[in-house]
Full PDB file with SEQRES, HELIX, SHEET, SSBOND, CRYST1, ORIGX, SCALE, CONECT and MASTER records, all heavy atoms in Angstrom:
SEQRES   1 A   41  ASP GLU SER THR ILE PRO PRO GLY PRO LYS GLY LEU ALA          
SEQRES   2 A   41  ILE LYS GLU GLY LYS LYS LEU LEU THR GLU THR HIS GLN          
SEQRES   3 A   41  ARG LEU PRO ASN ASN VAL GLY ASN GLY LEU ASN CYS THR          
SEQRES   4 A   41  SER CYS                                                      
HELIX    1 AA1 GLU A    2  THR A    4  5                                   3    
HELIX    2 AA2 GLY A    8  THR A   22  1                                  15    
HELIX    3 AA3 THR A   24  ARG A   27  1                                   4    
HELIX    4 AA4 CYS A   38  SER A   40  5                                   3    
CRYST1    1.000    1.000    1.000  90.00  90.00  90.00 P 1           1          
ORIGX1      1.000000  0.000000  0.000000        0.00000                         
ORIGX2      0.000000  1.000000  0.000000        0.00000                         
ORIGX3      0.000000  0.000000  1.000000        0.00000                         
SCALE1      1.000000  0.000000  0.000000        0.00000                         
SCALE2      0.000000  1.000000  0.000000        0.00000                         
SCALE3      0.000000  0.000000  1.000000        0.00000                         
ATOM      1  N   ASP A   1       0.834  -1.184  -0.011  1.00  0.00           N  
ATOM      2  CA  ASP A   1      -0.006  -0.018  -0.007  1.00  0.00           C  
ATOM      3  C   ASP A   1       0.864   1.256   0.004  1.00  0.00           C  
ATOM      4  O   ASP A   1       1.933   1.276   0.628  1.00  0.00           O  
ATOM      5  CB  ASP A   1      -0.934  -0.018   1.255  1.00  0.00           C  
ATOM      6  CG  ASP A   1      -1.972   1.080   1.144  1.00  0.00           C  
ATOM      7  OD1 ASP A   1      -1.658   2.241   1.549  1.00  0.00           O  
ATOM      8  OD2 ASP A   1      -3.059   0.791   0.693  1.00  0.00           O  
ATOM      9  N   GLU A   2       0.447   2.302  -0.715  1.00  0.00           N  
ATOM     10  CA  GLU A   2       1.238   3.474  -0.780  1.00  0.00           C  
ATOM     11  C   GLU A   2       1.486   4.186   0.559  1.00  0.00           C  
ATOM     12  O   GLU A   2       2.383   4.972   0.718  1.00  0.00           O  
ATOM     13  CB  GLU A   2       0.631   4.470  -1.790  1.00  0.00           C  
ATOM     14  CG  GLU A   2       0.736   3.963  -3.252  1.00  0.00           C  
ATOM     15  CD  GLU A   2       0.597   5.123  -4.237  1.00  0.00           C  
ATOM     16  OE1 GLU A   2       0.410   6.238  -3.839  1.00  0.00           O  
ATOM     17  OE2 GLU A   2       0.765   4.816  -5.430  1.00  0.00           O  
ATOM     18  N   SER A   3       0.630   3.848   1.515  1.00  0.00           N  
ATOM     19  CA  SER A   3       0.797   4.402   2.887  1.00  0.00           C  
ATOM     20  C   SER A   3       2.084   3.889   3.509  1.00  0.00           C  
ATOM     21  O   SER A   3       2.571   4.427   4.465  1.00  0.00           O  
ATOM     22  CB  SER A   3      -0.334   4.046   3.743  1.00  0.00           C  
ATOM     23  OG  SER A   3      -0.482   2.626   3.939  1.00  0.00           O  
ATOM     24  N   THR A   4       2.682   2.792   2.946  1.00  0.00           N  
ATOM     25  CA  THR A   4       3.890   2.201   3.490  1.00  0.00           C  
ATOM     26  C   THR A   4       5.150   2.898   2.920  1.00  0.00           C  
ATOM     27  O   THR A   4       6.300   2.564   3.358  1.00  0.00           O  
ATOM     28  CB  THR A   4       4.023   0.736   3.258  1.00  0.00           C  
ATOM     29  OG1 THR A   4       4.074   0.474   1.837  1.00  0.00           O  
ATOM     30  CG2 THR A   4       2.765  -0.014   3.777  1.00  0.00           C  
ATOM     31  N   ILE A   5       4.995   3.819   1.969  1.00  0.00           N  
ATOM     32  CA  ILE A   5       6.177   4.530   1.427  1.00  0.00           C  
ATOM     33  C   ILE A   5       6.777   5.312   2.595  1.00  0.00           C  
ATOM     34  O   ILE A   5       6.059   6.124   3.186  1.00  0.00           O  
ATOM     35  CB  ILE A   5       5.809   5.423   0.279  1.00  0.00           C  
ATOM     36  CG1 ILE A   5       5.347   4.570  -0.900  1.00  0.00           C  
ATOM     37  CG2 ILE A   5       7.000   6.248  -0.161  1.00  0.00           C  
ATOM     38  CD1 ILE A   5       4.851   5.363  -2.075  1.00  0.00           C  
ATOM     39  N   PRO A   6       8.068   5.184   2.865  1.00  0.00           N  
ATOM     40  CA  PRO A   6       8.648   5.850   3.991  1.00  0.00           C  
ATOM     41  C   PRO A   6       8.762   7.353   3.790  1.00  0.00           C  
ATOM     42  O   PRO A   6       8.785   7.842   2.611  1.00  0.00           O  
ATOM     43  CB  PRO A   6      10.004   5.194   4.165  1.00  0.00           C  
ATOM     44  CG  PRO A   6      10.322   4.761   2.764  1.00  0.00           C  
ATOM     45  CD  PRO A   6       9.013   4.331   2.152  1.00  0.00           C  
ATOM     46  N   PRO A   7       8.876   8.136   4.843  1.00  0.00           N  
ATOM     47  CA  PRO A   7       9.108   9.557   4.685  1.00  0.00           C  
ATOM     48  C   PRO A   7      10.582   9.836   4.300  1.00  0.00           C  
ATOM     49  O   PRO A   7      11.364   8.917   4.332  1.00  0.00           O  
ATOM     50  CB  PRO A   7       8.793  10.164   6.069  1.00  0.00           C  
ATOM     51  CG  PRO A   7       9.087   8.995   7.026  1.00  0.00           C  
ATOM     52  CD  PRO A   7       8.770   7.732   6.266  1.00  0.00           C  
ATOM     53  N   GLY A   8      10.855  11.060   3.966  1.00  0.00           N  
ATOM     54  CA  GLY A   8      12.223  11.432   3.764  1.00  0.00           C  
ATOM     55  C   GLY A   8      12.764  11.129   2.331  1.00  0.00           C  
ATOM     56  O   GLY A   8      11.932  10.831   1.396  1.00  0.00           O  
ATOM     57  N   PRO A   9      14.021  11.194   2.129  1.00  0.00           N  
ATOM     58  CA  PRO A   9      14.618  11.058   0.750  1.00  0.00           C  
ATOM     59  C   PRO A   9      14.273   9.745   0.051  1.00  0.00           C  
ATOM     60  O   PRO A   9      14.030   9.717  -1.085  1.00  0.00           O  
ATOM     61  CB  PRO A   9      16.132  11.160   1.001  1.00  0.00           C  
ATOM     62  CG  PRO A   9      16.254  11.966   2.231  1.00  0.00           C  
ATOM     63  CD  PRO A   9      15.111  11.555   3.109  1.00  0.00           C  
ATOM     64  N   LYS A  10      14.219   8.654   0.869  1.00  0.00           N  
ATOM     65  CA  LYS A  10      13.875   7.345   0.232  1.00  0.00           C  
ATOM     66  C   LYS A  10      12.489   7.316  -0.310  1.00  0.00           C  
ATOM     67  O   LYS A  10      12.188   6.875  -1.421  1.00  0.00           O  
ATOM     68  CB  LYS A  10      14.072   6.205   1.210  1.00  0.00           C  
ATOM     69  CG  LYS A  10      13.831   4.790   0.703  1.00  0.00           C  
ATOM     70  CD  LYS A  10      14.892   4.428  -0.372  1.00  0.00           C  
ATOM     71  CE  LYS A  10      14.710   2.989  -0.881  1.00  0.00           C  
ATOM     72  NZ  LYS A  10      15.103   2.044   0.140  1.00  0.00           N  
ATOM     73  N   GLY A  11      11.587   7.893   0.474  1.00  0.00           N  
ATOM     74  CA  GLY A  11      10.155   7.966   0.004  1.00  0.00           C  
ATOM     75  C   GLY A  11      10.039   8.836  -1.199  1.00  0.00           C  
ATOM     76  O   GLY A  11       9.269   8.522  -2.134  1.00  0.00           O  
ATOM     77  N   LEU A  12      10.724   9.965  -1.224  1.00  0.00           N  
ATOM     78  CA  LEU A  12      10.676  10.828  -2.369  1.00  0.00           C  
ATOM     79  C   LEU A  12      11.207  10.138  -3.667  1.00  0.00           C  
ATOM     80  O   LEU A  12      10.652  10.286  -4.739  1.00  0.00           O  
ATOM     81  CB  LEU A  12      11.472  12.116  -2.129  1.00  0.00           C  
ATOM     82  CG  LEU A  12      10.845  13.041  -1.088  1.00  0.00           C  
ATOM     83  CD1 LEU A  12      11.835  14.238  -0.837  1.00  0.00           C  
ATOM     84  CD2 LEU A  12       9.496  13.577  -1.569  1.00  0.00           C  
ATOM     85  N   ALA A  13      12.277   9.328  -3.446  1.00  0.00           N  
ATOM     86  CA  ALA A  13      12.861   8.613  -4.595  1.00  0.00           C  
ATOM     87  C   ALA A  13      11.827   7.582  -5.123  1.00  0.00           C  
ATOM     88  O   ALA A  13      11.714   7.388  -6.326  1.00  0.00           O  
ATOM     89  CB  ALA A  13      14.106   7.924  -4.156  1.00  0.00           C  
ATOM     90  N   ILE A  14      11.121   6.877  -4.231  1.00  0.00           N  
ATOM     91  CA  ILE A  14      10.124   5.884  -4.667  1.00  0.00           C  
ATOM     92  C   ILE A  14       9.048   6.569  -5.452  1.00  0.00           C  
ATOM     93  O   ILE A  14       8.627   6.082  -6.526  1.00  0.00           O  
ATOM     94  CB  ILE A  14       9.567   5.154  -3.398  1.00  0.00           C  
ATOM     95  CG1 ILE A  14      10.677   4.304  -2.756  1.00  0.00           C  
ATOM     96  CG2 ILE A  14       8.340   4.310  -3.759  1.00  0.00           C  
ATOM     97  CD1 ILE A  14      10.295   3.798  -1.358  1.00  0.00           C  
ATOM     98  N   LYS A  15       8.502   7.685  -4.929  1.00  0.00           N  
ATOM     99  CA  LYS A  15       7.424   8.355  -5.658  1.00  0.00           C  
ATOM    100  C   LYS A  15       7.894   8.916  -6.992  1.00  0.00           C  
ATOM    101  O   LYS A  15       7.139   8.841  -7.950  1.00  0.00           O  
ATOM    102  CB  LYS A  15       6.951   9.510  -4.735  1.00  0.00           C  
ATOM    103  CG  LYS A  15       6.227   9.045  -3.499  1.00  0.00           C  
ATOM    104  CD  LYS A  15       5.843  10.211  -2.596  1.00  0.00           C  
ATOM    105  CE  LYS A  15       5.158   9.752  -1.310  1.00  0.00           C  
ATOM    106  NZ  LYS A  15       4.819  10.869  -0.435  1.00  0.00           N  
ATOM    107  N   GLU A  16       9.121   9.411  -7.002  1.00  0.00           N  
ATOM    108  CA  GLU A  16       9.609   9.899  -8.303  1.00  0.00           C  
ATOM    109  C   GLU A  16       9.882   8.779  -9.247  1.00  0.00           C  
ATOM    110  O   GLU A  16       9.601   8.925 -10.495  1.00  0.00           O  
ATOM    111  CB  GLU A  16      10.973  10.667  -8.068  1.00  0.00           C  
ATOM    112  CG  GLU A  16      11.582  11.304  -9.339  1.00  0.00           C  
ATOM    113  CD  GLU A  16      10.629  12.314  -9.994  1.00  0.00           C  
ATOM    114  OE1 GLU A  16       9.760  12.888  -9.321  1.00  0.00           O  
ATOM    115  OE2 GLU A  16      10.805  12.581 -11.186  1.00  0.00           O  
ATOM    116  N   GLY A  17      10.303   7.625  -8.744  1.00  0.00           N  
ATOM    117  CA  GLY A  17      10.514   6.482  -9.652  1.00  0.00           C  
ATOM    118  C   GLY A  17       9.221   6.063 -10.294  1.00  0.00           C  
ATOM    119  O   GLY A  17       9.162   5.671 -11.520  1.00  0.00           O  
ATOM    120  N   LYS A  18       8.130   6.068  -9.527  1.00  0.00           N  
ATOM    121  CA  LYS A  18       6.806   5.720 -10.085  1.00  0.00           C  
ATOM    122  C   LYS A  18       6.412   6.663 -11.195  1.00  0.00           C  
ATOM    123  O   LYS A  18       5.919   6.274 -12.250  1.00  0.00           O  
ATOM    124  CB  LYS A  18       5.752   5.657  -9.011  1.00  0.00           C  
ATOM    125  CG  LYS A  18       4.386   5.215  -9.549  1.00  0.00           C  
ATOM    126  CD  LYS A  18       3.336   5.137  -8.392  1.00  0.00           C  
ATOM    127  CE  LYS A  18       2.006   4.669  -8.967  1.00  0.00           C  
ATOM    128  NZ  LYS A  18       0.967   4.522  -7.906  1.00  0.00           N  
ATOM    129  N   LYS A  19       6.647   7.917 -10.946  1.00  0.00           N  
ATOM    130  CA  LYS A  19       6.318   8.944 -11.948  1.00  0.00           C  
ATOM    131  C   LYS A  19       7.107   8.764 -13.247  1.00  0.00           C  
ATOM    132  O   LYS A  19       6.590   8.881 -14.316  1.00  0.00           O  
ATOM    133  CB  LYS A  19       6.538  10.390 -11.408  1.00  0.00           C  
ATOM    134  CG  LYS A  19       5.582  10.805 -10.347  1.00  0.00           C  
ATOM    135  CD  LYS A  19       5.937  12.183  -9.812  1.00  0.00           C  
ATOM    136  CE  LYS A  19       5.069  12.635  -8.640  1.00  0.00           C  
ATOM    137  NZ  LYS A  19       5.440  13.965  -8.105  1.00  0.00           N  
ATOM    138  N   LEU A  20       8.356   8.419 -13.115  1.00  0.00           N  
ATOM    139  CA  LEU A  20       9.225   8.185 -14.272  1.00  0.00           C  
ATOM    140  C   LEU A  20       8.756   7.060 -15.085  1.00  0.00           C  
ATOM    141  O   LEU A  20       8.807   7.024 -16.346  1.00  0.00           O  
ATOM    142  CB  LEU A  20      10.645   7.968 -13.829  1.00  0.00           C  
ATOM    143  CG  LEU A  20      11.409   9.147 -13.240  1.00  0.00           C  
ATOM    144  CD1 LEU A  20      12.762   8.734 -12.628  1.00  0.00           C  
ATOM    145  CD2 LEU A  20      11.684  10.232 -14.327  1.00  0.00           C  
ATOM    146  N   LEU A  21       8.215   5.978 -14.448  1.00  0.00           N  
ATOM    147  CA  LEU A  21       7.790   4.815 -15.121  1.00  0.00           C  
ATOM    148  C   LEU A  21       6.364   4.918 -15.742  1.00  0.00           C  
ATOM    149  O   LEU A  21       6.045   4.264 -16.700  1.00  0.00           O  
ATOM    150  CB  LEU A  21       7.828   3.613 -14.172  1.00  0.00           C  
ATOM    151  CG  LEU A  21       9.221   3.198 -13.715  1.00  0.00           C  
ATOM    152  CD1 LEU A  21       9.209   2.256 -12.544  1.00  0.00           C  
ATOM    153  CD2 LEU A  21       9.971   2.573 -14.891  1.00  0.00           C  
ATOM    154  N   THR A  22       5.565   5.785 -15.136  1.00  0.00           N  
ATOM    155  CA  THR A  22       4.215   6.007 -15.657  1.00  0.00           C  
ATOM    156  C   THR A  22       4.090   7.173 -16.605  1.00  0.00           C  
ATOM    157  O   THR A  22       3.145   7.226 -17.404  1.00  0.00           O  
ATOM    158  CB  THR A  22       3.249   6.193 -14.470  1.00  0.00           C  
ATOM    159  OG1 THR A  22       3.665   7.297 -13.671  1.00  0.00           O  
ATOM    160  CG2 THR A  22       3.174   4.942 -13.652  1.00  0.00           C  
ATOM    161  N   GLU A  23       5.050   8.084 -16.557  1.00  0.00           N  
ATOM    162  CA  GLU A  23       5.068   9.228 -17.484  1.00  0.00           C  
ATOM    163  C   GLU A  23       6.449   9.354 -18.133  1.00  0.00           C  
ATOM    164  O   GLU A  23       7.068  10.373 -18.267  1.00  0.00           O  
ATOM    165  CB  GLU A  23       4.838  10.521 -16.598  1.00  0.00           C  
ATOM    166  CG  GLU A  23       3.497  10.511 -15.875  1.00  0.00           C  
ATOM    167  CD  GLU A  23       3.341  11.649 -14.881  1.00  0.00           C  
ATOM    168  OE1 GLU A  23       4.248  12.539 -14.841  1.00  0.00           O  
ATOM    169  OE2 GLU A  23       2.380  11.639 -14.075  1.00  0.00           O  
ATOM    170  N   THR A  24       6.922   8.196 -18.639  1.00  0.00           N  
ATOM    171  CA  THR A  24       8.267   8.092 -19.144  1.00  0.00           C  
ATOM    172  C   THR A  24       8.501   8.975 -20.307  1.00  0.00           C  
ATOM    173  O   THR A  24       9.571   9.645 -20.405  1.00  0.00           O  
ATOM    174  CB  THR A  24       8.586   6.595 -19.525  1.00  0.00           C  
ATOM    175  OG1 THR A  24       7.897   5.711 -18.629  1.00  0.00           O  
ATOM    176  CG2 THR A  24      10.014   6.351 -19.504  1.00  0.00           C  
ATOM    177  N   HIS A  25       7.626   8.980 -21.284  1.00  0.00           N  
ATOM    178  CA  HIS A  25       7.815   9.787 -22.483  1.00  0.00           C  
ATOM    179  C   HIS A  25       7.889  11.266 -22.139  1.00  0.00           C  
ATOM    180  O   HIS A  25       8.785  12.006 -22.683  1.00  0.00           O  
ATOM    181  CB  HIS A  25       6.607   9.530 -23.441  1.00  0.00           C  
ATOM    182  CG  HIS A  25       6.640  10.488 -24.641  1.00  0.00           C  
ATOM    183  ND1 HIS A  25       7.501  10.311 -25.699  1.00  0.00           N  
ATOM    184  CD2 HIS A  25       5.869  11.521 -24.921  1.00  0.00           C  
ATOM    185  CE1 HIS A  25       7.272  11.259 -26.583  1.00  0.00           C  
ATOM    186  NE2 HIS A  25       6.256  11.976 -26.152  1.00  0.00           N  
ATOM    187  N   GLN A  26       7.131  11.715 -21.200  1.00  0.00           N  
ATOM    188  CA  GLN A  26       7.069  13.124 -20.828  1.00  0.00           C  
ATOM    189  C   GLN A  26       8.280  13.542 -19.960  1.00  0.00           C  
ATOM    190  O   GLN A  26       8.888  14.573 -20.208  1.00  0.00           O  
ATOM    191  CB  GLN A  26       5.801  13.407 -20.003  1.00  0.00           C  
ATOM    192  CG  GLN A  26       5.698  14.821 -19.373  1.00  0.00           C  
ATOM    193  CD  GLN A  26       4.534  14.995 -18.495  1.00  0.00           C  
ATOM    194  OE1 GLN A  26       3.608  14.189 -18.516  1.00  0.00           O  
ATOM    195  NE2 GLN A  26       4.591  15.962 -17.612  1.00  0.00           N  
ATOM    196  N   ARG A  27       8.688  12.660 -19.026  1.00  0.00           N  
ATOM    197  CA  ARG A  27       9.706  13.019 -18.081  1.00  0.00           C  
ATOM    198  C   ARG A  27      11.154  12.715 -18.546  1.00  0.00           C  
ATOM    199  O   ARG A  27      12.069  13.229 -18.001  1.00  0.00           O  
ATOM    200  CB  ARG A  27       9.394  12.332 -16.761  1.00  0.00           C  
ATOM    201  CG  ARG A  27       8.136  12.843 -16.061  1.00  0.00           C  
ATOM    202  CD  ARG A  27       7.856  12.119 -14.785  1.00  0.00           C  
ATOM    203  NE  ARG A  27       6.703  12.730 -14.097  1.00  0.00           N  
ATOM    204  CZ  ARG A  27       6.834  13.734 -13.239  1.00  0.00           C  
ATOM    205  NH1 ARG A  27       8.025  14.261 -12.923  1.00  0.00           N  
ATOM    206  NH2 ARG A  27       5.732  14.256 -12.675  1.00  0.00           N  
ATOM    207  N   LEU A  28      11.251  11.762 -19.498  1.00  0.00           N  
ATOM    208  CA  LEU A  28      12.636  11.426 -19.966  1.00  0.00           C  
ATOM    209  C   LEU A  28      12.704  11.483 -21.455  1.00  0.00           C  
ATOM    210  O   LEU A  28      13.021  10.555 -22.178  1.00  0.00           O  
ATOM    211  CB  LEU A  28      12.935   9.961 -19.499  1.00  0.00           C  
ATOM    212  CG  LEU A  28      13.081   9.751 -17.991  1.00  0.00           C  
ATOM    213  CD1 LEU A  28      13.139   8.305 -17.635  1.00  0.00           C  
ATOM    214  CD2 LEU A  28      14.280  10.531 -17.494  1.00  0.00           C  
ATOM    215  N   PRO A  29      12.473  12.698 -22.032  1.00  0.00           N  
ATOM    216  CA  PRO A  29      12.459  12.844 -23.519  1.00  0.00           C  
ATOM    217  C   PRO A  29      13.789  12.545 -24.147  1.00  0.00           C  
ATOM    218  O   PRO A  29      13.798  12.229 -25.316  1.00  0.00           O  
ATOM    219  CB  PRO A  29      12.077  14.294 -23.705  1.00  0.00           C  
ATOM    220  CG  PRO A  29      12.475  14.989 -22.387  1.00  0.00           C  
ATOM    221  CD  PRO A  29      12.230  14.001 -21.285  1.00  0.00           C  
ATOM    222  N   ASN A  30      14.897  12.643 -23.404  1.00  0.00           N  
ATOM    223  CA  ASN A  30      16.209  12.369 -23.973  1.00  0.00           C  
ATOM    224  C   ASN A  30      16.488  10.912 -24.051  1.00  0.00           C  
ATOM    225  O   ASN A  30      17.479  10.437 -24.701  1.00  0.00           O  
ATOM    226  CB  ASN A  30      17.291  13.087 -23.167  1.00  0.00           C  
ATOM    227  CG  ASN A  30      17.223  14.609 -23.297  1.00  0.00           C  
ATOM    228  OD1 ASN A  30      16.783  15.097 -24.316  1.00  0.00           O  
ATOM    229  ND2 ASN A  30      17.634  15.271 -22.238  1.00  0.00           N  
ATOM    230  N   ASN A  31      15.670  10.090 -23.350  1.00  0.00           N  
ATOM    231  CA  ASN A  31      15.923   8.666 -23.349  1.00  0.00           C  
ATOM    232  C   ASN A  31      14.846   7.831 -24.005  1.00  0.00           C  
ATOM    233  O   ASN A  31      15.021   6.628 -24.262  1.00  0.00           O  
ATOM    234  CB  ASN A  31      16.063   8.194 -21.900  1.00  0.00           C  
ATOM    235  CG  ASN A  31      17.242   8.840 -21.182  1.00  0.00           C  
ATOM    236  OD1 ASN A  31      17.074   9.849 -20.572  1.00  0.00           O  
ATOM    237  ND2 ASN A  31      18.413   8.247 -21.333  1.00  0.00           N  
ATOM    238  N   VAL A  32      13.698   8.439 -24.317  1.00  0.00           N  
ATOM    239  CA  VAL A  32      12.583   7.808 -24.933  1.00  0.00           C  
ATOM    240  C   VAL A  32      12.483   8.216 -26.372  1.00  0.00           C  
ATOM    241  O   VAL A  32      12.305   9.395 -26.650  1.00  0.00           O  
ATOM    242  CB  VAL A  32      11.273   8.051 -24.173  1.00  0.00           C  
ATOM    243  CG1 VAL A  32      10.065   7.402 -24.876  1.00  0.00           C  
ATOM    244  CG2 VAL A  32      11.347   7.509 -22.756  1.00  0.00           C  
ATOM    245  N   GLY A  33      12.519   7.290 -27.254  1.00  0.00           N  
ATOM    246  CA  GLY A  33      12.485   7.604 -28.716  1.00  0.00           C  
ATOM    247  C   GLY A  33      11.125   7.321 -29.351  1.00  0.00           C  
ATOM    248  O   GLY A  33      11.056   7.310 -30.604  1.00  0.00           O  
ATOM    249  N   ASN A  34      10.119   7.068 -28.577  1.00  0.00           N  
ATOM    250  CA  ASN A  34       8.821   6.783 -29.163  1.00  0.00           C  
ATOM    251  C   ASN A  34       7.710   7.389 -28.257  1.00  0.00           C  
ATOM    252  O   ASN A  34       8.030   8.259 -27.441  1.00  0.00           O  
ATOM    253  CB  ASN A  34       8.578   5.272 -29.402  1.00  0.00           C  
ATOM    254  CG  ASN A  34       8.695   4.489 -28.110  1.00  0.00           C  
ATOM    255  OD1 ASN A  34       8.542   5.009 -26.995  1.00  0.00           O  
ATOM    256  ND2 ASN A  34       9.009   3.234 -28.243  1.00  0.00           N  
ATOM    257  N   GLY A  35       6.489   6.986 -28.412  1.00  0.00           N  
ATOM    258  CA  GLY A  35       5.381   7.609 -27.679  1.00  0.00           C  
ATOM    259  C   GLY A  35       4.918   6.796 -26.460  1.00  0.00           C  
ATOM    260  O   GLY A  35       3.810   7.021 -25.933  1.00  0.00           O  
ATOM    261  N   LEU A  36       5.731   5.811 -26.035  1.00  0.00           N  
ATOM    262  CA  LEU A  36       5.302   4.900 -25.007  1.00  0.00           C  
ATOM    263  C   LEU A  36       5.776   5.301 -23.630  1.00  0.00           C  
ATOM    264  O   LEU A  36       6.747   6.072 -23.490  1.00  0.00           O  
ATOM    265  CB  LEU A  36       5.836   3.476 -25.317  1.00  0.00           C  
ATOM    266  CG  LEU A  36       5.423   2.864 -26.594  1.00  0.00           C  
ATOM    267  CD1 LEU A  36       5.989   1.439 -26.695  1.00  0.00           C  
ATOM    268  CD2 LEU A  36       3.903   2.846 -26.766  1.00  0.00           C  
ATOM    269  N   ASN A  37       5.112   4.772 -22.614  1.00  0.00           N  
ATOM    270  CA  ASN A  37       5.577   4.831 -21.212  1.00  0.00           C  
ATOM    271  C   ASN A  37       5.910   3.399 -20.803  1.00  0.00           C  
ATOM    272  O   ASN A  37       5.408   2.418 -21.446  1.00  0.00           O  
ATOM    273  CB  ASN A  37       4.513   5.396 -20.283  1.00  0.00           C  
ATOM    274  CG  ASN A  37       4.135   6.823 -20.646  1.00  0.00           C  
ATOM    275  OD1 ASN A  37       4.984   7.688 -20.825  1.00  0.00           O  
ATOM    276  ND2 ASN A  37       2.841   7.077 -20.790  1.00  0.00           N  
ATOM    277  N   CYS A  38       6.689   3.277 -19.813  1.00  0.00           N  
ATOM    278  CA  CYS A  38       7.016   1.881 -19.332  1.00  0.00           C  
ATOM    279  C   CYS A  38       5.706   1.134 -18.935  1.00  0.00           C  
ATOM    280  O   CYS A  38       5.590  -0.095 -19.196  1.00  0.00           O  
ATOM    281  CB  CYS A  38       7.931   1.914 -18.084  1.00  0.00           C  
ATOM    282  SG  CYS A  38       9.543   2.610 -18.485  1.00  0.00           S  
ATOM    283  N   THR A  39       4.753   1.865 -18.400  1.00  0.00           N  
ATOM    284  CA  THR A  39       3.464   1.213 -17.996  1.00  0.00           C  
ATOM    285  C   THR A  39       2.531   0.989 -19.156  1.00  0.00           C  
ATOM    286  O   THR A  39       1.418   0.538 -18.934  1.00  0.00           O  
ATOM    287  CB  THR A  39       2.799   2.124 -16.872  1.00  0.00           C  
ATOM    288  OG1 THR A  39       2.666   3.455 -17.356  1.00  0.00           O  
ATOM    289  CG2 THR A  39       3.551   2.065 -15.624  1.00  0.00           C  
ATOM    290  N   SER A  40       2.938   1.282 -20.412  1.00  0.00           N  
ATOM    291  CA  SER A  40       2.131   0.871 -21.521  1.00  0.00           C  
ATOM    292  C   SER A  40       2.031  -0.702 -21.589  1.00  0.00           C  
ATOM    293  O   SER A  40       1.113  -1.249 -22.114  1.00  0.00           O  
ATOM    294  CB  SER A  40       2.761   1.392 -22.814  1.00  0.00           C  
ATOM    295  OG  SER A  40       2.748   2.769 -22.878  1.00  0.00           O  
ATOM    296  N   CYS A  41       3.118  -1.335 -21.095  1.00  0.00           N  
ATOM    297  CA  CYS A  41       3.113  -2.799 -21.015  1.00  0.00           C  
ATOM    298  C   CYS A  41       3.038  -3.334 -19.600  1.00  0.00           C  
ATOM    299  O   CYS A  41       2.365  -4.308 -19.323  1.00  0.00           O  
ATOM    300  CB  CYS A  41       4.359  -3.355 -21.712  1.00  0.00           C  
ATOM    301  SG  CYS A  41       4.471  -3.000 -23.494  1.00  0.00           S  
TER     302      CYS A  41                                                      
MASTER        0    0    0    4    0    0    0    6  301    1    0    4          
END                                                                             
C-alpha cells in the first residue's frame, strides 16, 4: 500500500521512480524515442 512509502529522501525517490515509469515519455524525453511509457506494457 502506498501508505507504506517511508518519509524522507527514500520515500521521495520511490514516488519519483513511479512517476518516471508511468510518465516516461514526458519526463525522460532524452531517453525515450517513441510515444510509449513503461506502464504501456
